[in-house]
Amino acid sequence: MITIRKGGDRGHFDHGWLDTYHTFSFADYHDPAFMGFRALRVINDDRVQAGRGFGTHGHRDMEIITYVLEGELSHQDSMGTGSVIRPGEVQRMSAGTGVMHSEKNASDELVHLLQIWILPERQGITPSYEQKAFPPAERDCRLRLVASRDGRDGSLTIHQDADLYTVTLRDGASVAQDFRPGRYGWVQVARGTVTVNGKPLTAGDGAAIEAESRVTIAGDGEVLLFDLA
């Protein structure tokens, strides 16, 4: 079964400096029908104006993944990490027992990012940070694992039985993912237009996958695919 979550139905807030869409309930957006999916708790689609950002604030007991689509996002945290995240790079911050951090668009152009929260398999994990670049060639018309529980294939390591893949499809190309029995999936379209087992999706759309042994994604666009326990 594939259940589509249309991008236009997400929670939406335009704060001027921040234009944000929430796939699942977050902050002032609450919908009891969309509190998350399996361990996937948040997918926020954020556009931050130049020179603006999120001031220092705290998190705990959450795996936070930041995926930049356009522009540059600077990051500072209480672990002493300072970095800039650019397109093709993926950041993982395990908040665990508690982290303070800030995120800012330090450039002169808009930054567009997806921020993803995944519930950890246990609470009280020691906070940690990881950031890696995944070249376009590794994601071109093939699924590239960018985050996993065991950090295999050079992916980021997250504290949950979940795999995150990304792919950029061109000229109607297709990729397929097999799901083991008892596994679930979520597809999030970052940009472009694709089909998921023949069902059309456009940028901002998501799709919950249940009781499907294989999912085929085809079209022209950039897609994130979650394989979840």
C-alpha atoms as a PDB file:
ATOM      1  CA  MET A   1       0.000   0.000   0.000  1.00  0.00           C
ATOM      2  CA  ILE A   2       1.299   3.448  -0.914  1.00  0.00           C
ATOM      3  CA  THR A   3      -0.333   6.438   0.770  1.00  0.00           C
ATOM      4  CA  ILE A   4       0.534   9.832  -0.687  1.00  0.00           C
ATOM      5  CA  ARG A   5       1.046  12.915   1.466  1.00  0.00           C
ATOM      6  CA  LYS A   6       0.640  15.895  -0.878  1.00  0.00           C
ATOM      7  CA  GLY A   7       3.091  18.721  -0.385  1.00  0.00           C
ATOM      8  CA  GLY A   8       0.321  21.308  -0.427  1.00  0.00           C
ATOM      9  CA  ASP A   9      -1.376  19.611   2.519  1.00  0.00           C
ATOM     10  CA  ARG A  10       1.639  19.999   4.823  1.00  0.00           C
ATOM     11  CA  GLY A  11       1.774  22.531   7.611  1.00  0.00           C
ATOM     12  CA  HIS A  12       3.031  25.831   6.188  1.00  0.00           C
ATOM     13  CA  PHE A  13       4.373  28.969   7.850  1.00  0.00           C
ATOM     14  CA  ASP A  14       5.973  31.983   6.175  1.00  0.00           C
ATOM     15  CA  HIS A  15       7.838  34.012   8.792  1.00  0.00           C
ATOM     16  CA  GLY A  16       9.464  36.292   6.235  1.00  0.00           C
ATOM     17  CA  TRP A  17      13.009  35.158   6.984  1.00  0.00           C
ATOM     18  CA  LEU A  18      11.869  31.512   7.013  1.00  0.00           C
ATOM     19  CA  ASP A  19       9.408  29.817   4.657  1.00  0.00           C
ATOM     20  CA  THR A  20       8.802  26.332   6.035  1.00  0.00           C
ATOM     21  CA  TYR A  21       6.660  23.276   5.333  1.00  0.00           C
ATOM     22  CA  HIS A  22       6.142  20.511   7.896  1.00  0.00           C
ATOM     23  CA  THR A  23       5.345  17.000   6.642  1.00  0.00           C
ATOM     24  CA  PHE A  24       4.577  15.922  10.218  1.00  0.00           C
ATOM     25  CA  SER A  25       3.364  17.793  13.295  1.00  0.00           C
ATOM     26  CA  PHE A  26       5.991  20.267  14.462  1.00  0.00           C
ATOM     27  CA  ALA A  27       6.029  23.412  16.627  1.00  0.00           C
ATOM     28  CA  ASP A  28       2.737  25.287  16.036  1.00  0.00           C
ATOM     29  CA  TYR A  29       1.522  22.770  13.452  1.00  0.00           C
ATOM     30  CA  HIS A  30      -0.374  19.851  14.959  1.00  0.00           C
ATOM     31  CA  ASP A  31      -2.260  17.168  13.061  1.00  0.00           C
ATOM     32  CA  PRO A  32      -2.943  13.944  14.997  1.00  0.00           C
ATOM     33  CA  ALA A  33      -3.044  12.055  11.678  1.00  0.00           C
ATOM     34  CA  PHE A  34       0.546  13.090  10.918  1.00  0.00           C
ATOM     35  CA  MET A  35       2.664  12.690  14.041  1.00  0.00           C
ATOM     36  CA  GLY A  36       5.419  10.854  12.161  1.00  0.00           C
ATOM     37  CA  PHE A  37       5.862   7.533  10.421  1.00  0.00           C
ATOM     38  CA  ARG A  38       7.553   4.677  12.270  1.00  0.00           C
ATOM     39  CA  ALA A  39      10.806   6.158  13.688  1.00  0.00           C
ATOM     40  CA  LEU A  40      10.628   9.081  11.253  1.00  0.00           C
ATOM     41  CA  ARG A  41       9.398  12.037  13.288  1.00  0.00           C
ATOM     42  CA  VAL A  42      10.108  15.251  11.316  1.00  0.00           C
ATOM     43  CA  ILE A  43      10.670  16.306   7.718  1.00  0.00           C
ATOM     44  CA  ASN A  44      10.862  20.090   7.523  1.00  0.00           C
ATOM     45  CA  ASP A  45      11.301  21.759   4.138  1.00  0.00           C
ATOM     46  CA  ASP A  46      12.974  25.088   4.967  1.00  0.00           C
ATOM     47  CA  ARG A  47      13.967  28.120   2.917  1.00  0.00           C
ATOM     48  CA  VAL A  48      16.030  30.606   4.921  1.00  0.00           C
ATOM     49  CA  GLN A  49      16.784  34.124   3.732  1.00  0.00           C
ATOM     50  CA  ALA A  50      20.351  35.441   3.470  1.00  0.00           C
ATOM     51  CA  GLY A  51      21.922  36.374   6.796  1.00  0.00           C
ATOM     52  CA  ARG A  52      19.112  34.833   8.842  1.00  0.00           C
ATOM     53  CA  GLY A  53      18.776  31.582  10.731  1.00  0.00           C
ATOM     54  CA  PHE A  54      17.970  29.685  13.889  1.00  0.00           C
ATOM     55  CA  GLY A  55      19.588  31.091  17.015  1.00  0.00           C
ATOM     56  CA  THR A  56      21.127  28.898  19.689  1.00  0.00           C
ATOM     57  CA  HIS A  57      18.613  26.323  20.921  1.00  0.00           C
ATOM     58  CA  GLY A  58      18.668  22.866  22.437  1.00  0.00           C
ATOM     59  CA  HIS A  59      17.802  19.313  21.404  1.00  0.00           C
ATOM     60  CA  ARG A  60      17.975  15.954  23.114  1.00  0.00           C
ATOM     61  CA  ASP A  61      17.238  12.299  22.308  1.00  0.00           C
ATOM     62  CA  MET A  62      16.896  12.791  18.565  1.00  0.00           C
ATOM     63  CA  GLU A  63      18.884  11.888  15.448  1.00  0.00           C
ATOM     64  CA  ILE A  64      18.888  15.060  13.333  1.00  0.00           C
ATOM     65  CA  ILE A  65      19.857  14.889   9.648  1.00  0.00           C
ATOM     66  CA  THR A  66      20.321  18.033   7.567  1.00  0.00           C
ATOM     67  CA  TYR A  67      20.220  17.774   3.764  1.00  0.00           C
ATOM     68  CA  VAL A  68      21.008  20.982   1.854  1.00  0.00           C
ATOM     69  CA  LEU A  69      19.516  21.410  -1.618  1.00  0.00           C
ATOM     70  CA  GLU A  70      20.640  24.957  -2.434  1.00  0.00           C
ATOM     71  CA  GLY A  71      22.916  27.512  -0.786  1.00  0.00           C
ATOM     72  CA  GLU A  72      25.053  27.087   2.320  1.00  0.00           C
ATOM     73  CA  LEU A  73      24.104  26.542   5.958  1.00  0.00           C
ATOM     74  CA  SER A  74      26.564  27.264   8.768  1.00  0.00           C
ATOM     75  CA  HIS A  75      26.400  25.211  11.955  1.00  0.00           C
ATOM     76  CA  GLN A  76      27.799  25.781  15.465  1.00  0.00           C
ATOM     77  CA  ASP A  77      27.189  23.571  18.498  1.00  0.00           C
ATOM     78  CA  SER A  78      28.098  23.014  22.135  1.00  0.00           C
ATOM     79  CA  MET A  79      30.313  20.060  21.167  1.00  0.00           C
ATOM     80  CA  GLY A  80      32.690  22.561  19.589  1.00  0.00           C
ATOM     81  CA  THR A  81      31.694  21.731  16.028  1.00  0.00           C
ATOM     82  CA  GLY A  82      31.670  24.480  13.444  1.00  0.00           C
ATOM     83  CA  SER A  83      30.937  23.672   9.831  1.00  0.00           C
ATOM     84  CA  VAL A  84      29.258  24.757   6.606  1.00  0.00           C
ATOM     85  CA  ILE A  85      26.866  22.344   4.886  1.00  0.00           C
ATOM     86  CA  ARG A  86      26.586  22.609   1.102  1.00  0.00           C
ATOM     87  CA  PRO A  87      24.571  20.741  -1.552  1.00  0.00           C
ATOM     88  CA  GLY A  88      25.749  17.154  -1.787  1.00  0.00           C
ATOM     89  CA  GLU A  89      26.754  17.120   1.873  1.00  0.00           C
ATOM     90  CA  VAL A  90      24.703  15.488   4.625  1.00  0.00           C
ATOM     91  CA  GLN A  91      25.006  16.238   8.336  1.00  0.00           C
ATOM     92  CA  ARG A  92      24.052  14.017  11.251  1.00  0.00           C
ATOM     93  CA  MET A  93      23.810  15.293  14.805  1.00  0.00           C
ATOM     94  CA  SER A  94      22.895  12.863  17.574  1.00  0.00           C
ATOM     95  CA  ALA A  95      21.447  15.094  20.276  1.00  0.00           C
ATOM     96  CA  GLY A  96      21.374  12.325  22.916  1.00  0.00           C
ATOM     97  CA  THR A  97      21.776  13.697  26.439  1.00  0.00           C
ATOM     98  CA  GLY A  98      21.585  17.247  25.113  1.00  0.00           C
ATOM     99  CA  VAL A  99      23.138  19.613  22.569  1.00  0.00           C
ATOM    100  CA  MET A 100      22.882  23.354  22.011  1.00  0.00           C
ATOM    101  CA  HIS A 101      23.361  24.524  18.436  1.00  0.00           C
ATOM    102  CA  SER A 102      22.635  27.270  15.942  1.00  0.00           C
ATOM    103  CA  GLU A 103      22.107  27.241  12.186  1.00  0.00           C
ATOM    104  CA  LYS A 104      22.446  30.257   9.920  1.00  0.00           C
ATOM    105  CA  ASN A 105      22.421  31.171   6.266  1.00  0.00           C
ATOM    106  CA  ALA A 106      25.778  32.918   6.169  1.00  0.00           C
ATOM    107  CA  SER A 107      25.643  33.532   2.402  1.00  0.00           C
ATOM    108  CA  ASP A 108      24.046  36.231   0.244  1.00  0.00           C
ATOM    109  CA  GLU A 109      21.570  33.794  -1.291  1.00  0.00           C
ATOM    110  CA  LEU A 110      18.611  31.744  -0.120  1.00  0.00           C
ATOM    111  CA  VAL A 111      19.408  28.389   1.476  1.00  0.00           C
ATOM    112  CA  HIS A 112      16.978  25.523   0.884  1.00  0.00           C
ATOM    113  CA  LEU A 113      17.251  22.474   3.108  1.00  0.00           C
ATOM    114  CA  LEU A 114      15.429  19.465   4.450  1.00  0.00           C
ATOM    115  CA  GLN A 115      15.809  18.783   8.144  1.00  0.00           C
ATOM    116  CA  ILE A 116      14.915  15.283   9.255  1.00  0.00           C
ATOM    117  CA  TRP A 117      14.444  13.987  12.781  1.00  0.00           C
ATOM    118  CA  ILE A 118      14.549  10.272  13.543  1.00  0.00           C
ATOM    119  CA  LEU A 119      13.773   8.855  16.965  1.00  0.00           C
ATOM    120  CA  PRO A 120      16.818   7.028  18.373  1.00  0.00           C
ATOM    121  CA  GLU A 121      16.658   3.401  19.425  1.00  0.00           C
ATOM    122  CA  ARG A 122      17.397   4.427  23.015  1.00  0.00           C
ATOM    123  CA  GLN A 123      17.629   7.578  25.086  1.00  0.00           C
ATOM    124  CA  GLY A 124      20.716   8.997  26.744  1.00  0.00           C
ATOM    125  CA  ILE A 125      23.153   8.509  23.849  1.00  0.00           C
ATOM    126  CA  THR A 126      26.380  10.512  24.041  1.00  0.00           C
ATOM    127  CA  PRO A 127      25.989  13.478  21.661  1.00  0.00           C
ATOM    128  CA  SER A 128      28.020  13.315  18.444  1.00  0.00           C
ATOM    129  CA  TYR A 129      28.340  14.941  15.038  1.00  0.00           C
ATOM    130  CA  GLU A 130      29.155  13.715  11.543  1.00  0.00           C
ATOM    131  CA  GLN A 131      29.177  15.314   8.096  1.00  0.00           C
ATOM    132  CA  LYS A 132      30.009  13.760   4.729  1.00  0.00           C
ATOM    133  CA  ALA A 133      29.943  14.696   1.065  1.00  0.00           C
ATOM    134  CA  PHE A 134      28.287  12.418  -1.478  1.00  0.00           C
ATOM    135  CA  PRO A 135      29.388  13.343  -5.021  1.00  0.00           C
ATOM    136  CA  PRO A 136      26.675  13.760  -7.674  1.00  0.00           C
ATOM    137  CA  ALA A 137      28.006  10.814  -9.673  1.00  0.00           C
ATOM    138  CA  GLU A 138      27.230   8.496  -6.747  1.00  0.00           C
ATOM    139  CA  ARG A 139      23.593   9.621  -6.712  1.00  0.00           C
ATOM    140  CA  ASP A 140      22.985   9.920 -10.440  1.00  0.00           C
ATOM    141  CA  CYS A 141      20.231   7.475 -11.410  1.00  0.00           C
ATOM    142  CA  ARG A 142      21.122   5.130  -8.575  1.00  0.00           C
ATOM    143  CA  LEU A 143      20.217   4.929  -4.917  1.00  0.00           C
ATOM    144  CA  ARG A 144      23.060   6.099  -2.689  1.00  0.00           C
ATOM    145  CA  LEU A 145      22.953   5.116   0.978  1.00  0.00           C
ATOM    146  CA  VAL A 146      23.723   8.263   3.001  1.00  0.00           C
ATOM    147  CA  ALA A 147      22.708   7.189   6.537  1.00  0.00           C
ATOM    148  CA  SER A 148      22.361   3.813   8.246  1.00  0.00           C
ATOM    149  CA  ARG A 149      22.585   2.126  11.619  1.00  0.00           C
ATOM    150  CA  ASP A 150      25.931   0.481  10.815  1.00  0.00           C
ATOM    151  CA  GLY A 151      27.484   3.230   8.683  1.00  0.00           C
ATOM    152  CA  ARG A 152      28.022   0.818   5.817  1.00  0.00           C
ATOM    153  CA  ASP A 153      29.172   1.883   2.362  1.00  0.00           C
ATOM    154  CA  GLY A 154      30.568   5.114   3.775  1.00  0.00           C
ATOM    155  CA  SER A 155      27.199   6.368   5.035  1.00  0.00           C
ATOM    156  CA  LEU A 156      26.583   8.428   8.148  1.00  0.00           C
ATOM    157  CA  THR A 157      25.896   6.392  11.281  1.00  0.00           C
ATOM    158  CA  ILE A 158      22.535   6.877  13.007  1.00  0.00           C
ATOM    159  CA  HIS A 159      21.279   5.268  16.200  1.00  0.00           C
ATOM    160  CA  GLN A 160      18.186   3.641  14.725  1.00  0.00           C
ATOM    161  CA  ASP A 161      17.335   0.703  12.451  1.00  0.00           C
ATOM    162  CA  ALA A 162      16.749   2.953   9.450  1.00  0.00           C
ATOM    163  CA  ASP A 163      18.416   3.453   6.082  1.00  0.00           C
ATOM    164  CA  LEU A 164      18.276   6.723   4.155  1.00  0.00           C
ATOM    165  CA  TYR A 165      19.003   6.764   0.426  1.00  0.00           C
ATOM    166  CA  THR A 166      19.066   9.626  -2.048  1.00  0.00           C
ATOM    167  CA  VAL A 167      18.909   9.572  -5.840  1.00  0.00           C
ATOM    168  CA  THR A 168      18.809  12.096  -8.675  1.00  0.00           C
ATOM    169  CA  LEU A 169      16.808  10.791 -11.634  1.00  0.00           C
ATOM    170  CA  ARG A 170      17.085  12.144 -15.169  1.00  0.00           C
ATOM    171  CA  ASP A 171      15.286  11.583 -18.463  1.00  0.00           C
ATOM    172  CA  GLY A 172      12.716   9.226 -16.991  1.00  0.00           C
ATOM    173  CA  ALA A 173      15.269   6.843 -15.487  1.00  0.00           C
ATOM    174  CA  SER A 174      14.140   4.480 -12.740  1.00  0.00           C
ATOM    175  CA  VAL A 175      15.521   2.815  -9.617  1.00  0.00           C
ATOM    176  CA  ALA A 176      14.018   0.058  -7.488  1.00  0.00           C
ATOM    177  CA  GLN A 177      14.258  -0.805  -3.803  1.00  0.00           C
ATOM    178  CA  ASP A 178      13.286  -4.177  -2.352  1.00  0.00           C
ATOM    179  CA  PHE A 179      11.772  -4.205   1.137  1.00  0.00           C
ATOM    180  CA  ARG A 180      12.213  -7.158   3.440  1.00  0.00           C
ATOM    181  CA  PRO A 181       9.082  -8.506   5.169  1.00  0.00           C
ATOM    182  CA  GLY A 182       8.049  -6.269   8.033  1.00  0.00           C
ATOM    183  CA  ARG A 183       9.895  -3.204   6.674  1.00  0.00           C
ATOM    184  CA  TYR A 184       8.297   0.138   5.849  1.00  0.00           C
ATOM    185  CA  GLY A 185       9.294   3.001   3.608  1.00  0.00           C
ATOM    186  CA  TRP A 186       8.860   6.708   3.119  1.00  0.00           C
ATOM    187  CA  VAL A 187       9.596   8.573  -0.122  1.00  0.00           C
ATOM    188  CA  GLN A 188      10.141  12.327  -0.033  1.00  0.00           C
ATOM    189  CA  VAL A 189      10.437  14.262  -3.293  1.00  0.00           C
ATOM    190  CA  ALA A 190      12.941  17.079  -2.828  1.00  0.00           C
ATOM    191  CA  ARG A 191      12.461  18.479  -6.336  1.00  0.00           C
ATOM    192  CA  GLY A 192      11.163  17.467  -9.728  1.00  0.00           C
ATOM    193  CA  THR A 193       8.437  15.025 -10.719  1.00  0.00           C
ATOM    194  CA  VAL A 194       8.532  11.255 -10.275  1.00  0.00           C
ATOM    195  CA  THR A 195       6.296   8.235  -9.997  1.00  0.00           C
ATOM    196  CA  VAL A 196       6.348   5.698  -7.159  1.00  0.00           C
ATOM    197  CA  ASN A 197       4.988   2.373  -8.417  1.00  0.00           C
ATOM    198  CA  GLY A 198       3.177   4.393 -11.054  1.00  0.00           C
ATOM    199  CA  LYS A 199       1.718   6.967  -8.649  1.00  0.00           C
ATOM    200  CA  PRO A 200       2.718  10.558  -9.577  1.00  0.00           C
ATOM    201  CA  LEU A 201       4.489  12.782  -7.053  1.00  0.00           C
ATOM    202  CA  THR A 202       5.948  16.268  -7.340  1.00  0.00           C
ATOM    203  CA  ALA A 203       8.333  18.345  -5.223  1.00  0.00           C
ATOM    204  CA  GLY A 204       7.184  18.419  -1.592  1.00  0.00           C
ATOM    205  CA  ASP A 205       5.090  15.268  -1.862  1.00  0.00           C
ATOM    206  CA  GLY A 206       5.756  12.252   0.334  1.00  0.00           C
ATOM    207  CA  ALA A 207       4.549   8.670   0.280  1.00  0.00           C
ATOM    208  CA  ALA A 208       4.214   6.093   3.046  1.00  0.00           C
ATOM    209  CA  ILE A 209       5.036   2.553   1.948  1.00  0.00           C
ATOM    210  CA  GLU A 210       3.502  -0.426   3.757  1.00  0.00           C
ATOM    211  CA  ALA A 211       3.343  -4.107   2.782  1.00  0.00           C
ATOM    212  CA  GLU A 212       5.183  -3.553  -0.506  1.00  0.00           C
ATOM    213  CA  SER A 213       7.982  -5.920  -1.457  1.00  0.00           C
ATOM    214  CA  ARG A 214       9.412  -3.574  -4.095  1.00  0.00           C
ATOM    215  CA  VAL A 215       9.132   0.103  -4.902  1.00  0.00           C
ATOM    216  CA  THR A 216      10.132   1.563  -8.272  1.00  0.00           C
ATOM    217  CA  ILE A 217      10.805   5.296  -8.542  1.00  0.00           C
ATOM    218  CA  ALA A 218      10.989   6.833 -12.022  1.00  0.00           C
ATOM    219  CA  GLY A 219      11.076  10.294 -13.544  1.00  0.00           C
ATOM    220  CA  ASP A 220      13.148  13.452 -13.280  1.00  0.00           C
ATOM    221  CA  GLY A 221      13.929  14.703  -9.805  1.00  0.00           C
ATOM    222  CA  GLU A 222      15.780  14.376  -6.525  1.00  0.00           C
ATOM    223  CA  VAL A 223      14.303  11.917  -4.054  1.00  0.00           C
ATOM    224  CA  LEU A 224      14.966  10.702  -0.517  1.00  0.00           C
ATOM    225  CA  LEU A 225      13.974   7.129   0.329  1.00  0.00           C
ATOM    226  CA  PHE A 226      13.737   5.798   3.893  1.00  0.00           C
ATOM    227  CA  ASP A 227      13.772   2.064   4.696  1.00  0.00           C
ATOM    228  CA  LEU A 228      12.374   1.742   8.213  1.00  0.00           C
ATOM    229  CA  ALA A 229      11.786  -0.969  10.806  1.00  0.00           C
END
